[in-house]
Amino acid sequence: MSFLIDPPWLYATGQMYGRLLPERTPAARVLEKATAGVFLATSISLYLDRPWTRPIWKACRAQDGRDWMLNSGVFRIDHRRAGARTHAVAALLFATYPLWLRLGERAARKR
């Protein structure tokens, strides 16, 4: 999971939910919240470089979890010197995760 990959992945997951669960039922809401929770828990843990995330960022050939979240193997942001501005942007990006999921659901249900 990374800031580059997560939004499209959440959107696509939301579209799948929207196609499989065309009504906004309580089950659909629980599934949406659980999915957003898993994405957020994993991605925030990667950003904070929690030890349990090591297999994830190692598999992605990153130097650590924050490197993976910020750079995704594409960018060259100095993840070791991330300061208040980087952390604030990361927090804003994390806040958009439920939105991407919901947008995907809505797009699928409008079809």
PDB file of N, CA and C in Angstrom:
ATOM      1  N   MET A   1       0.845  -1.166   0.000  1.00  0.00           N
ATOM      2  CA  MET A   1       0.000   0.000   0.000  1.00  0.00           C
ATOM      3  C   MET A   1       0.896   1.236   0.000  1.00  0.00           C
ATOM      4  N   SER A   2       0.494   2.207  -0.763  1.00  0.00           N
ATOM      5  CA  SER A   2       1.252   3.449  -0.837  1.00  0.00           C
ATOM      6  C   SER A   2       0.309   4.560  -1.278  1.00  0.00           C
ATOM      7  N   PHE A   3       0.762   5.786  -1.102  1.00  0.00           N
ATOM      8  CA  PHE A   3      -0.085   6.908  -1.500  1.00  0.00           C
ATOM      9  C   PHE A   3      -0.355   6.917  -2.995  1.00  0.00           C
ATOM     10  N   LEU A   4       0.514   6.321  -3.779  1.00  0.00           N
ATOM     11  CA  LEU A   4       0.318   6.277  -5.227  1.00  0.00           C
ATOM     12  C   LEU A   4      -0.663   5.179  -5.630  1.00  0.00           C
ATOM     13  N   ILE A   5      -0.640   4.074  -4.927  1.00  0.00           N
ATOM     14  CA  ILE A   5      -1.440   2.907  -5.286  1.00  0.00           C
ATOM     15  C   ILE A   5      -2.793   2.864  -4.578  1.00  0.00           C
ATOM     16  N   ASP A   6      -2.840   3.302  -3.334  1.00  0.00           N
ATOM     17  CA  ASP A   6      -4.052   3.140  -2.526  1.00  0.00           C
ATOM     18  C   ASP A   6      -5.304   3.799  -3.102  1.00  0.00           C
ATOM     19  N   PRO A   7      -5.270   5.066  -3.537  1.00  0.00           N
ATOM     20  CA  PRO A   7      -6.518   5.662  -4.045  1.00  0.00           C
ATOM     21  C   PRO A   7      -7.152   4.893  -5.204  1.00  0.00           C
ATOM     22  N   PRO A   8      -6.394   4.517  -6.254  1.00  0.00           N
ATOM     23  CA  PRO A   8      -7.049   3.746  -7.316  1.00  0.00           C
ATOM     24  C   PRO A   8      -7.535   2.372  -6.834  1.00  0.00           C
ATOM     25  N   TRP A   9      -6.795   1.773  -5.920  1.00  0.00           N
ATOM     26  CA  TRP A   9      -7.176   0.469  -5.384  1.00  0.00           C
ATOM     27  C   TRP A   9      -8.464   0.591  -4.567  1.00  0.00           C
ATOM     28  N   LEU A  10      -8.556   1.635  -3.760  1.00  0.00           N
ATOM     29  CA  LEU A  10      -9.785   1.876  -2.995  1.00  0.00           C
ATOM     30  C   LEU A  10     -10.959   2.162  -3.925  1.00  0.00           C
ATOM     31  N   TYR A  11     -10.733   2.973  -4.940  1.00  0.00           N
ATOM     32  CA  TYR A  11     -11.789   3.298  -5.902  1.00  0.00           C
ATOM     33  C   TYR A  11     -12.289   2.023  -6.589  1.00  0.00           C
ATOM     34  N   ALA A  12     -11.358   1.181  -7.046  1.00  0.00           N
ATOM     35  CA  ALA A  12     -11.732  -0.068  -7.723  1.00  0.00           C
ATOM     36  C   ALA A  12     -12.471  -1.000  -6.761  1.00  0.00           C
ATOM     37  N   THR A  13     -12.034  -1.047  -5.519  1.00  0.00           N
ATOM     38  CA  THR A  13     -12.722  -1.875  -4.521  1.00  0.00           C
ATOM     39  C   THR A  13     -14.133  -1.347  -4.293  1.00  0.00           C
ATOM     40  N   GLY A  14     -14.271  -0.038  -4.214  1.00  0.00           N
ATOM     41  CA  GLY A  14     -15.595   0.572  -4.072  1.00  0.00           C
ATOM     42  C   GLY A  14     -16.489   0.243  -5.255  1.00  0.00           C
ATOM     43  N   GLN A  15     -15.930   0.256  -6.454  1.00  0.00           N
ATOM     44  CA  GLN A  15     -16.727  -0.111  -7.633  1.00  0.00           C
ATOM     45  C   GLN A  15     -17.204  -1.558  -7.541  1.00  0.00           C
ATOM     46  N   MET A  16     -16.339  -2.434  -7.081  1.00  0.00           N
ATOM     47  CA  MET A  16     -16.725  -3.831  -6.923  1.00  0.00           C
ATOM     48  C   MET A  16     -17.870  -3.951  -5.911  1.00  0.00           C
ATOM     49  N   TYR A  17     -17.750  -3.243  -4.792  1.00  0.00           N
ATOM     50  CA  TYR A  17     -18.817  -3.265  -3.791  1.00  0.00           C
ATOM     51  C   TYR A  17     -20.120  -2.726  -4.372  1.00  0.00           C
ATOM     52  N   GLY A  18     -20.007  -1.646  -5.138  1.00  0.00           N
ATOM     53  CA  GLY A  18     -21.193  -1.048  -5.734  1.00  0.00           C
ATOM     54  C   GLY A  18     -21.902  -1.970  -6.714  1.00  0.00           C
ATOM     55  N   ARG A  19     -21.134  -2.783  -7.434  1.00  0.00           N
ATOM     56  CA  ARG A  19     -21.732  -3.734  -8.372  1.00  0.00           C
ATOM     57  C   ARG A  19     -22.329  -4.937  -7.639  1.00  0.00           C
ATOM     58  N   LEU A  20     -21.625  -5.417  -6.618  1.00  0.00           N
ATOM     59  CA  LEU A  20     -22.094  -6.607  -5.895  1.00  0.00           C
ATOM     60  C   LEU A  20     -23.208  -6.294  -4.902  1.00  0.00           C
ATOM     61  N   LEU A  21     -23.176  -5.090  -4.349  1.00  0.00           N
ATOM     62  CA  LEU A  21     -24.174  -4.665  -3.366  1.00  0.00           C
ATOM     63  C   LEU A  21     -24.801  -3.364  -3.853  1.00  0.00           C
ATOM     64  N   PRO A  22     -25.739  -3.452  -4.815  1.00  0.00           N
ATOM     65  CA  PRO A  22     -26.280  -2.250  -5.444  1.00  0.00           C
ATOM     66  C   PRO A  22     -27.058  -1.334  -4.494  1.00  0.00           C
ATOM     67  N   GLU A  23     -27.478  -1.848  -3.376  1.00  0.00           N
ATOM     68  CA  GLU A  23     -28.173  -1.022  -2.391  1.00  0.00           C
ATOM     69  C   GLU A  23     -27.225  -0.680  -1.251  1.00  0.00           C
ATOM     70  N   ARG A  24     -27.423   0.450  -0.667  1.00  0.00           N
ATOM     71  CA  ARG A  24     -26.590   0.878   0.477  1.00  0.00           C
ATOM     72  C   ARG A  24     -27.181   0.283   1.757  1.00  0.00           C
ATOM     73  N   THR A  25     -26.995  -1.004   1.941  1.00  0.00           N
ATOM     74  CA  THR A  25     -27.529  -1.744   3.074  1.00  0.00           C
ATOM     75  C   THR A  25     -26.596  -1.619   4.276  1.00  0.00           C
ATOM     76  N   PRO A  26     -27.073  -2.010   5.459  1.00  0.00           N
ATOM     77  CA  PRO A  26     -26.168  -2.020   6.623  1.00  0.00           C
ATOM     78  C   PRO A  26     -24.935  -2.892   6.382  1.00  0.00           C
ATOM     79  N   ALA A  27     -25.103  -4.017   5.701  1.00  0.00           N
ATOM     80  CA  ALA A  27     -23.955  -4.884   5.400  1.00  0.00           C
ATOM     81  C   ALA A  27     -22.948  -4.167   4.507  1.00  0.00           C
ATOM     82  N   ALA A  28     -23.443  -3.415   3.539  1.00  0.00           N
ATOM     83  CA  ALA A  28     -22.556  -2.667   2.645  1.00  0.00           C
ATOM     84  C   ALA A  28     -21.785  -1.610   3.425  1.00  0.00           C
ATOM     85  N   ARG A  29     -22.437  -0.945   4.358  1.00  0.00           N
ATOM     86  CA  ARG A  29     -21.765   0.070   5.170  1.00  0.00           C
ATOM     87  C   ARG A  29     -20.697  -0.556   6.062  1.00  0.00           C
ATOM     88  N   VAL A  30     -20.990  -1.707   6.635  1.00  0.00           N
ATOM     89  CA  VAL A  30     -20.006  -2.399   7.481  1.00  0.00           C
ATOM     90  C   VAL A  30     -18.802  -2.812   6.647  1.00  0.00           C
ATOM     91  N   LEU A  31     -19.052  -3.348   5.454  1.00  0.00           N
ATOM     92  CA  LEU A  31     -17.976  -3.767   4.568  1.00  0.00           C
ATOM     93  C   LEU A  31     -17.111  -2.569   4.168  1.00  0.00           C
ATOM     94  N   GLU A  32     -17.754  -1.453   3.867  1.00  0.00           N
ATOM     95  CA  GLU A  32     -17.031  -0.236   3.503  1.00  0.00           C
ATOM     96  C   GLU A  32     -16.149   0.236   4.657  1.00  0.00           C
ATOM     97  N   LYS A  33     -16.701   0.278   5.858  1.00  0.00           N
ATOM     98  CA  LYS A  33     -15.937   0.730   7.026  1.00  0.00           C
ATOM     99  C   LYS A  33     -14.783  -0.221   7.335  1.00  0.00           C
ATOM    100  N   ALA A  34     -15.025  -1.517   7.221  1.00  0.00           N
ATOM    101  CA  ALA A  34     -13.965  -2.495   7.482  1.00  0.00           C
ATOM    102  C   ALA A  34     -12.833  -2.354   6.466  1.00  0.00           C
ATOM    103  N   THR A  35     -13.189  -2.166   5.208  1.00  0.00           N
ATOM    104  CA  THR A  35     -12.174  -2.018   4.163  1.00  0.00           C
ATOM    105  C   THR A  35     -11.355  -0.758   4.396  1.00  0.00           C
ATOM    106  N   ALA A  36     -12.022   0.348   4.640  1.00  0.00           N
ATOM    107  CA  ALA A  36     -11.301   1.597   4.909  1.00  0.00           C
ATOM    108  C   ALA A  36     -10.410   1.433   6.139  1.00  0.00           C
ATOM    109  N   GLY A  37     -10.912   0.752   7.160  1.00  0.00           N
ATOM    110  CA  GLY A  37     -10.134   0.534   8.374  1.00  0.00           C
ATOM    111  C   GLY A  37      -8.873  -0.274   8.126  1.00  0.00           C
ATOM    112  N   VAL A  38      -8.986  -1.323   7.331  1.00  0.00           N
ATOM    113  CA  VAL A  38      -7.819  -2.160   7.022  1.00  0.00           C
ATOM    114  C   VAL A  38      -6.793  -1.354   6.226  1.00  0.00           C
ATOM    115  N   PHE A  39      -7.265  -0.626   5.225  1.00  0.00           N
ATOM    116  CA  PHE A  39      -6.348   0.205   4.441  1.00  0.00           C
ATOM    117  C   PHE A  39      -5.655   1.238   5.327  1.00  0.00           C
ATOM    118  N   LEU A  40      -6.437   1.921   6.151  1.00  0.00           N
ATOM    119  CA  LEU A  40      -5.850   2.953   7.010  1.00  0.00           C
ATOM    120  C   LEU A  40      -4.889   2.365   8.026  1.00  0.00           C
ATOM    121  N   ALA A  41      -5.279   1.284   8.678  1.00  0.00           N
ATOM    122  CA  ALA A  41      -4.409   0.670   9.684  1.00  0.00           C
ATOM    123  C   ALA A  41      -3.085   0.221   9.063  1.00  0.00           C
ATOM    124  N   THR A  42      -3.164  -0.400   7.904  1.00  0.00           N
ATOM    125  CA  THR A  42      -1.943  -0.885   7.256  1.00  0.00           C
ATOM    126  C   THR A  42      -1.097   0.271   6.747  1.00  0.00           C
ATOM    127  N   SER A  43      -1.721   1.222   6.078  1.00  0.00           N
ATOM    128  CA  SER A  43      -0.965   2.326   5.495  1.00  0.00           C
ATOM    129  C   SER A  43      -0.364   3.239   6.556  1.00  0.00           C
ATOM    130  N   ILE A  44      -1.111   3.548   7.588  1.00  0.00           N
ATOM    131  CA  ILE A  44      -0.569   4.375   8.671  1.00  0.00           C
ATOM    132  C   ILE A  44       0.559   3.630   9.376  1.00  0.00           C
ATOM    133  N   SER A  45       0.397   2.330   9.569  1.00  0.00           N
ATOM    134  CA  SER A  45       1.465   1.538  10.191  1.00  0.00           C
ATOM    135  C   SER A  45       2.717   1.530   9.316  1.00  0.00           C
ATOM    136  N   LEU A  46       2.539   1.445   8.009  1.00  0.00           N
ATOM    137  CA  LEU A  46       3.682   1.550   7.111  1.00  0.00           C
ATOM    138  C   LEU A  46       4.348   2.917   7.248  1.00  0.00           C
ATOM    139  N   TYR A  47       3.550   3.967   7.231  1.00  0.00           N
ATOM    140  CA  TYR A  47       4.085   5.321   7.339  1.00  0.00           C
ATOM    141  C   TYR A  47       4.858   5.504   8.641  1.00  0.00           C
ATOM    142  N   LEU A  48       4.344   4.913   9.717  1.00  0.00           N
ATOM    143  CA  LEU A  48       5.006   5.011  11.026  1.00  0.00           C
ATOM    144  C   LEU A  48       6.095   3.959  11.203  1.00  0.00           C
ATOM    145  N   ASP A  49       6.302   3.159  10.179  1.00  0.00           N
ATOM    146  CA  ASP A  49       7.337   2.135  10.138  1.00  0.00           C
ATOM    147  C   ASP A  49       7.232   1.142  11.298  1.00  0.00           C
ATOM    148  N   ARG A  50       6.035   0.655  11.510  1.00  0.00           N
ATOM    149  CA  ARG A  50       5.813  -0.357  12.548  1.00  0.00           C
ATOM    150  C   ARG A  50       6.484  -1.661  12.136  1.00  0.00           C
ATOM    151  N   PRO A  51       7.078  -2.375  13.093  1.00  0.00           N
ATOM    152  CA  PRO A  51       7.827  -3.604  12.769  1.00  0.00           C
ATOM    153  C   PRO A  51       7.015  -4.648  11.992  1.00  0.00           C
ATOM    154  N   TRP A  52       5.737  -4.797  12.277  1.00  0.00           N
ATOM    155  CA  TRP A  52       4.950  -5.831  11.608  1.00  0.00           C
ATOM    156  C   TRP A  52       4.792  -5.582  10.112  1.00  0.00           C
ATOM    157  N   THR A  53       5.094  -4.351   9.653  1.00  0.00           N
ATOM    158  CA  THR A  53       4.946  -4.038   8.228  1.00  0.00           C
ATOM    159  C   THR A  53       6.190  -4.393   7.418  1.00  0.00           C
ATOM    160  N   ARG A  54       7.242  -4.817   8.078  1.00  0.00           N
ATOM    161  CA  ARG A  54       8.505  -5.113   7.387  1.00  0.00           C
ATOM    162  C   ARG A  54       8.323  -6.034   6.173  1.00  0.00           C
ATOM    163  N   PRO A  55       7.584  -7.145   6.280  1.00  0.00           N
ATOM    164  CA  PRO A  55       7.432  -7.998   5.090  1.00  0.00           C
ATOM    165  C   PRO A  55       6.800  -7.267   3.903  1.00  0.00           C
ATOM    166  N   ILE A  56       5.938  -6.317   4.173  1.00  0.00           N
ATOM    167  CA  ILE A  56       5.283  -5.579   3.080  1.00  0.00           C
ATOM    168  C   ILE A  56       6.291  -4.705   2.366  1.00  0.00           C
ATOM    169  N   TRP A  57       6.987  -3.837   3.114  1.00  0.00           N
ATOM    170  CA  TRP A  57       7.905  -2.915   2.446  1.00  0.00           C
ATOM    171  C   TRP A  57       9.144  -3.618   1.897  1.00  0.00           C
ATOM    172  N   LYS A  58       9.547  -4.713   2.516  1.00  0.00           N
ATOM    173  CA  LYS A  58      10.666  -5.482   1.960  1.00  0.00           C
ATOM    174  C   LYS A  58      10.276  -6.083   0.612  1.00  0.00           C
ATOM    175  N   ALA A  59       9.048  -6.629   0.532  1.00  0.00           N
ATOM    176  CA  ALA A  59       8.572  -7.216  -0.728  1.00  0.00           C
ATOM    177  C   ALA A  59       8.501  -6.167  -1.839  1.00  0.00           C
ATOM    178  N   CYS A  60       8.325  -4.918  -1.445  1.00  0.00           N
ATOM    179  CA  CYS A  60       8.227  -3.819  -2.419  1.00  0.00           C
ATOM    180  C   CYS A  60       9.587  -3.170  -2.684  1.00  0.00           C
ATOM    181  N   ARG A  61      10.638  -3.749  -2.111  1.00  0.00           N
ATOM    182  CA  ARG A  61      12.004  -3.262  -2.286  1.00  0.00           C
ATOM    183  C   ARG A  61      12.199  -1.830  -1.810  1.00  0.00           C
ATOM    184  N   ALA A  62      11.512  -1.481  -0.741  1.00  0.00           N
ATOM    185  CA  ALA A  62      11.659  -0.152  -0.154  1.00  0.00           C
ATOM    186  C   ALA A  62      12.635  -0.225   1.020  1.00  0.00           C
ATOM    187  N   GLN A  63      13.128   0.936   1.434  1.00  0.00           N
ATOM    188  CA  GLN A  63      14.062   0.985   2.556  1.00  0.00           C
ATOM    189  C   GLN A  63      13.349   0.844   3.896  1.00  0.00           C
ATOM    190  N   ASP A  64      12.115   1.285   3.947  1.00  0.00           N
ATOM    191  CA  ASP A  64      11.276   1.125   5.138  1.00  0.00           C
ATOM    192  C   ASP A  64       9.836   1.467   4.746  1.00  0.00           C
ATOM    193  N   GLY A  65       8.944   1.402   5.721  1.00  0.00           N
ATOM    194  CA  GLY A  65       7.537   1.640   5.428  1.00  0.00           C
ATOM    195  C   GLY A  65       7.246   3.039   4.914  1.00  0.00           C
ATOM    196  N   ARG A  66       7.876   4.031   5.525  1.00  0.00           N
ATOM    197  CA  ARG A  66       7.636   5.413   5.074  1.00  0.00           C
ATOM    198  C   ARG A  66       8.162   5.623   3.664  1.00  0.00           C
ATOM    199  N   ASP A  67       9.312   5.032   3.356  1.00  0.00           N
ATOM    200  CA  ASP A  67       9.834   5.108   1.994  1.00  0.00           C
ATOM    201  C   ASP A  67       8.811   4.558   1.012  1.00  0.00           C
ATOM    202  N   TRP A  68       8.226   3.413   1.341  1.00  0.00           N
ATOM    203  CA  TRP A  68       7.231   2.826   0.445  1.00  0.00           C
ATOM    204  C   TRP A  68       6.011   3.727   0.312  1.00  0.00           C
ATOM    205  N   MET A  69       5.501   4.243   1.429  1.00  0.00           N
ATOM    206  CA  MET A  69       4.306   5.078   1.383  1.00  0.00           C
ATOM    207  C   MET A  69       4.550   6.357   0.575  1.00  0.00           C
ATOM    208  N   LEU A  70       5.676   6.987   0.761  1.00  0.00           N
ATOM    209  CA  LEU A  70       5.938   8.259   0.092  1.00  0.00           C
ATOM    210  C   LEU A  70       6.442   8.110  -1.338  1.00  0.00           C
ATOM    211  N   ASN A  71       7.282   7.126  -1.570  1.00  0.00           N
ATOM    212  CA  ASN A  71       7.961   7.040  -2.861  1.00  0.00           C
ATOM    213  C   ASN A  71       7.432   5.967  -3.800  1.00  0.00           C
ATOM    214  N   SER A  72       6.875   4.912  -3.275  1.00  0.00           N
ATOM    215  CA  SER A  72       6.297   3.833  -4.085  1.00  0.00           C
ATOM    216  C   SER A  72       7.255   3.292  -5.133  1.00  0.00           C
ATOM    217  N   GLY A  73       8.555   3.434  -4.886  1.00  0.00           N
ATOM    218  CA  GLY A  73       9.525   2.988  -5.873  1.00  0.00           C
ATOM    219  C   GLY A  73       9.605   3.887  -7.091  1.00  0.00           C
ATOM    220  N   VAL A  74       8.912   5.028  -7.073  1.00  0.00           N
ATOM    221  CA  VAL A  74       8.844   5.922  -8.227  1.00  0.00           C
ATOM    222  C   VAL A  74       9.495   7.274  -7.919  1.00  0.00           C
ATOM    223  N   PHE A  75       9.138   7.850  -6.775  1.00  0.00           N
ATOM    224  CA  PHE A  75       9.599   9.192  -6.418  1.00  0.00           C
ATOM    225  C   PHE A  75      10.892   9.123  -5.616  1.00  0.00           C
ATOM    226  N   ARG A  76      11.454  10.265  -5.331  1.00  0.00           N
ATOM    227  CA  ARG A  76      12.696  10.338  -4.563  1.00  0.00           C
ATOM    228  C   ARG A  76      12.568  11.328  -3.401  1.00  0.00           C
ATOM    229  N   ILE A  77      11.468  11.268  -2.707  1.00  0.00           N
ATOM    230  CA  ILE A  77      11.270  12.117  -1.533  1.00  0.00           C
ATOM    231  C   ILE A  77      12.171  11.585  -0.420  1.00  0.00           C
ATOM    232  N   ASP A  78      12.852  12.478   0.280  1.00  0.00           N
ATOM    233  CA  ASP A  78      13.728  12.049   1.376  1.00  0.00           C
ATOM    234  C   ASP A  78      12.857  11.650   2.569  1.00  0.00           C
ATOM    235  N   HIS A  79      12.526  10.376   2.625  1.00  0.00           N
ATOM    236  CA  HIS A  79      11.616   9.877   3.658  1.00  0.00           C
ATOM    237  C   HIS A  79      12.227   9.934   5.053  1.00  0.00           C
ATOM    238  N   ARG A  80      13.546   9.987   5.147  1.00  0.00           N
ATOM    239  CA  ARG A  80      14.199  10.042   6.460  1.00  0.00           C
ATOM    240  C   ARG A  80      14.124  11.433   7.073  1.00  0.00           C
ATOM    241  N   ARG A  81      13.933  12.426   6.243  1.00  0.00           N
ATOM    242  CA  ARG A  81      13.863  13.806   6.730  1.00  0.00           C
ATOM    243  C   ARG A  81      12.457  14.379   6.657  1.00  0.00           C
ATOM    244  N   ALA A  82      11.487  13.514   6.643  1.00  0.00           N
ATOM    245  CA  ALA A  82      10.093  13.981   6.583  1.00  0.00           C
ATOM    246  C   ALA A  82       9.807  14.847   7.801  1.00  0.00           C
ATOM    247  N   GLY A  83       9.339  16.041   7.537  1.00  0.00           N
ATOM    248  CA  GLY A  83       9.053  16.978   8.609  1.00  0.00           C
ATOM    249  C   GLY A  83       7.563  17.214   8.772  1.00  0.00           C
ATOM    250  N   ALA A  84       7.242  18.276   9.456  1.00  0.00           N
ATOM    251  CA  ALA A  84       5.848  18.599   9.772  1.00  0.00           C
ATOM    252  C   ALA A  84       4.999  18.745   8.508  1.00  0.00           C
ATOM    253  N   ARG A  85       5.531  19.359   7.483  1.00  0.00           N
ATOM    254  CA  ARG A  85       4.770  19.556   6.246  1.00  0.00           C
ATOM    255  C   ARG A  85       4.456  18.203   5.584  1.00  0.00           C
ATOM    256  N   THR A  86       5.435  17.324   5.516  1.00  0.00           N
ATOM    257  CA  THR A  86       5.221  15.997   4.936  1.00  0.00           C
ATOM    258  C   THR A  86       4.195  15.220   5.749  1.00  0.00           C
ATOM    259  N   HIS A  87       4.311  15.295   7.062  1.00  0.00           N
ATOM    260  CA  HIS A  87       3.360  14.588   7.925  1.00  0.00           C
ATOM    261  C   HIS A  87       1.940  15.135   7.762  1.00  0.00           C
ATOM    262  N   ALA A  88       1.824  16.453   7.612  1.00  0.00           N
ATOM    263  CA  ALA A  88       0.500  17.063   7.424  1.00  0.00           C
ATOM    264  C   ALA A  88      -0.114  16.623   6.090  1.00  0.00           C
ATOM    265  N   VAL A  89       0.692  16.597   5.047  1.00  0.00           N
ATOM    266  CA  VAL A  89       0.192  16.143   3.739  1.00  0.00           C
ATOM    267  C   VAL A  89      -0.210  14.673   3.825  1.00  0.00           C
ATOM    268  N   ALA A  90       0.599  13.871   4.500  1.00  0.00           N
ATOM    269  CA  ALA A  90       0.267  12.448   4.672  1.00  0.00           C
ATOM    270  C   ALA A  90      -1.062  12.303   5.405  1.00  0.00           C
ATOM    271  N   ALA A  91      -1.265  13.078   6.460  1.00  0.00           N
ATOM    272  CA  ALA A  91      -2.528  13.009   7.206  1.00  0.00           C
ATOM    273  C   ALA A  91      -3.708  13.374   6.314  1.00  0.00           C
ATOM    274  N   LEU A  92      -3.539  14.377   5.475  1.00  0.00           N
ATOM    275  CA  LEU A  92      -4.608  14.761   4.545  1.00  0.00           C
ATOM    276  C   LEU A  92      -4.885  13.642   3.534  1.00  0.00           C
ATOM    277  N   LEU A  93      -3.840  13.017   3.054  1.00  0.00           N
ATOM    278  CA  LEU A  93      -4.022  11.908   2.108  1.00  0.00           C
ATOM    279  C   LEU A  93      -4.739  10.736   2.784  1.00  0.00           C
ATOM    280  N   PHE A  94      -4.353  10.417   4.007  1.00  0.00           N
ATOM    281  CA  PHE A  94      -5.037   9.348   4.740  1.00  0.00           C
ATOM    282  C   PHE A  94      -6.523   9.682   4.917  1.00  0.00           C
ATOM    283  N   ALA A  95      -6.816  10.942   5.142  1.00  0.00           N
ATOM    284  CA  ALA A  95      -8.211  11.361   5.349  1.00  0.00           C
ATOM    285  C   ALA A  95      -9.062  11.152   4.095  1.00  0.00           C
ATOM    286  N   THR A  96      -8.426  11.074   2.921  1.00  0.00           N
ATOM    287  CA  THR A  96      -9.183  10.878   1.684  1.00  0.00           C
ATOM    288  C   THR A  96      -9.506   9.411   1.409  1.00  0.00           C
ATOM    289  N   TYR A  97      -8.922   8.483   2.138  1.00  0.00           N
ATOM    290  CA  TYR A  97      -9.119   7.062   1.843  1.00  0.00           C
ATOM    291  C   TYR A  97     -10.591   6.650   1.814  1.00  0.00           C
ATOM    292  N   PRO A  98     -11.389   6.984   2.833  1.00  0.00           N
ATOM    293  CA  PRO A  98     -12.812   6.605   2.754  1.00  0.00           C
ATOM    294  C   PRO A  98     -13.520   7.242   1.559  1.00  0.00           C
ATOM    295  N   LEU A  99     -13.093   8.439   1.181  1.00  0.00           N
ATOM    296  CA  LEU A  99     -13.699   9.127   0.042  1.00  0.00           C
ATOM    297  C   LEU A  99     -13.486   8.348  -1.251  1.00  0.00           C
ATOM    298  N   TRP A 100     -12.275   7.830  -1.489  1.00  0.00           N
ATOM    299  CA  TRP A 100     -12.005   7.062  -2.709  1.00  0.00           C
ATOM    300  C   TRP A 100     -12.884   5.828  -2.780  1.00  0.00           C
ATOM    301  N   LEU A 101     -13.042   5.172  -1.649  1.00  0.00           N
ATOM    302  CA  LEU A 101     -13.884   3.981  -1.597  1.00  0.00           C
ATOM    303  C   LEU A 101     -15.329   4.335  -1.923  1.00  0.00           C
ATOM    304  N   ARG A 102     -15.826   5.391  -1.323  1.00  0.00           N
ATOM    305  CA  ARG A 102     -17.204   5.832  -1.547  1.00  0.00           C
ATOM    306  C   ARG A 102     -17.423   6.281  -2.981  1.00  0.00           C
ATOM    307  N   LEU A 103     -16.451   7.009  -3.556  1.00  0.00           N
ATOM    308  CA  LEU A 103     -16.583   7.447  -4.951  1.00  0.00           C
ATOM    309  C   LEU A 103     -16.695   6.258  -5.896  1.00  0.00           C
ATOM    310  N   GLY A 104     -15.916   5.216  -5.646  1.00  0.00           N
ATOM    311  CA  GLY A 104     -15.998   4.008  -6.474  1.00  0.00           C
ATOM    312  C   GLY A 104     -17.352   3.347  -6.357  1.00  0.00           C
ATOM    313  N   GLU A 105     -17.870   3.282  -5.138  1.00  0.00           N
ATOM    314  CA  GLU A 105     -19.202   2.694  -4.932  1.00  0.00           C
ATOM    315  C   GLU A 105     -20.270   3.477  -5.686  1.00  0.00           C
ATOM    316  N   ARG A 106     -20.228   4.779  -5.537  1.00  0.00           N
ATOM    317  CA  ARG A 106     -21.238   5.626  -6.199  1.00  0.00           C
ATOM    318  C   ARG A 106     -21.172   5.506  -7.718  1.00  0.00           C
ATOM    319  N   ALA A 107     -19.965   5.457  -8.249  1.00  0.00           N
ATOM    320  CA  ALA A 107     -19.811   5.346  -9.705  1.00  0.00           C
ATOM    321  C   ALA A 107     -20.439   4.038 -10.194  1.00  0.00           C
ATOM    322  N   ALA A 108     -20.209   2.963  -9.467  1.00  0.00           N
ATOM    323  CA  ALA A 108     -20.757   1.665  -9.882  1.00  0.00           C
ATOM    324  C   ALA A 108     -22.278   1.645  -9.758  1.00  0.00           C
ATOM    325  N   ARG A 109     -22.816   2.276  -8.752  1.00  0.00           N
ATOM    326  CA  ARG A 109     -24.268   2.251  -8.537  1.00  0.00           C
ATOM    327  C   ARG A 109     -25.014   3.144  -9.526  1.00  0.00           C
ATOM    328  N   LYS A 110     -24.348   4.118 -10.097  1.00  0.00           N
ATOM    329  CA  LYS A 110     -24.993   5.003 -11.081  1.00  0.00           C
ATOM    330  C   LYS A 110     -25.160   4.322 -12.423  1.00  0.00           C
ATOM    331  N   ARG A 111     -24.450   3.244 -12.652  1.00  0.00           N
ATOM    332  CA  ARG A 111     -24.527   2.540 -13.947  1.00  0.00           C
ATOM    333  C   ARG A 111     -25.793   1.774 -14.070  1.00  0.00           C
TER     334      ARG A 111
END
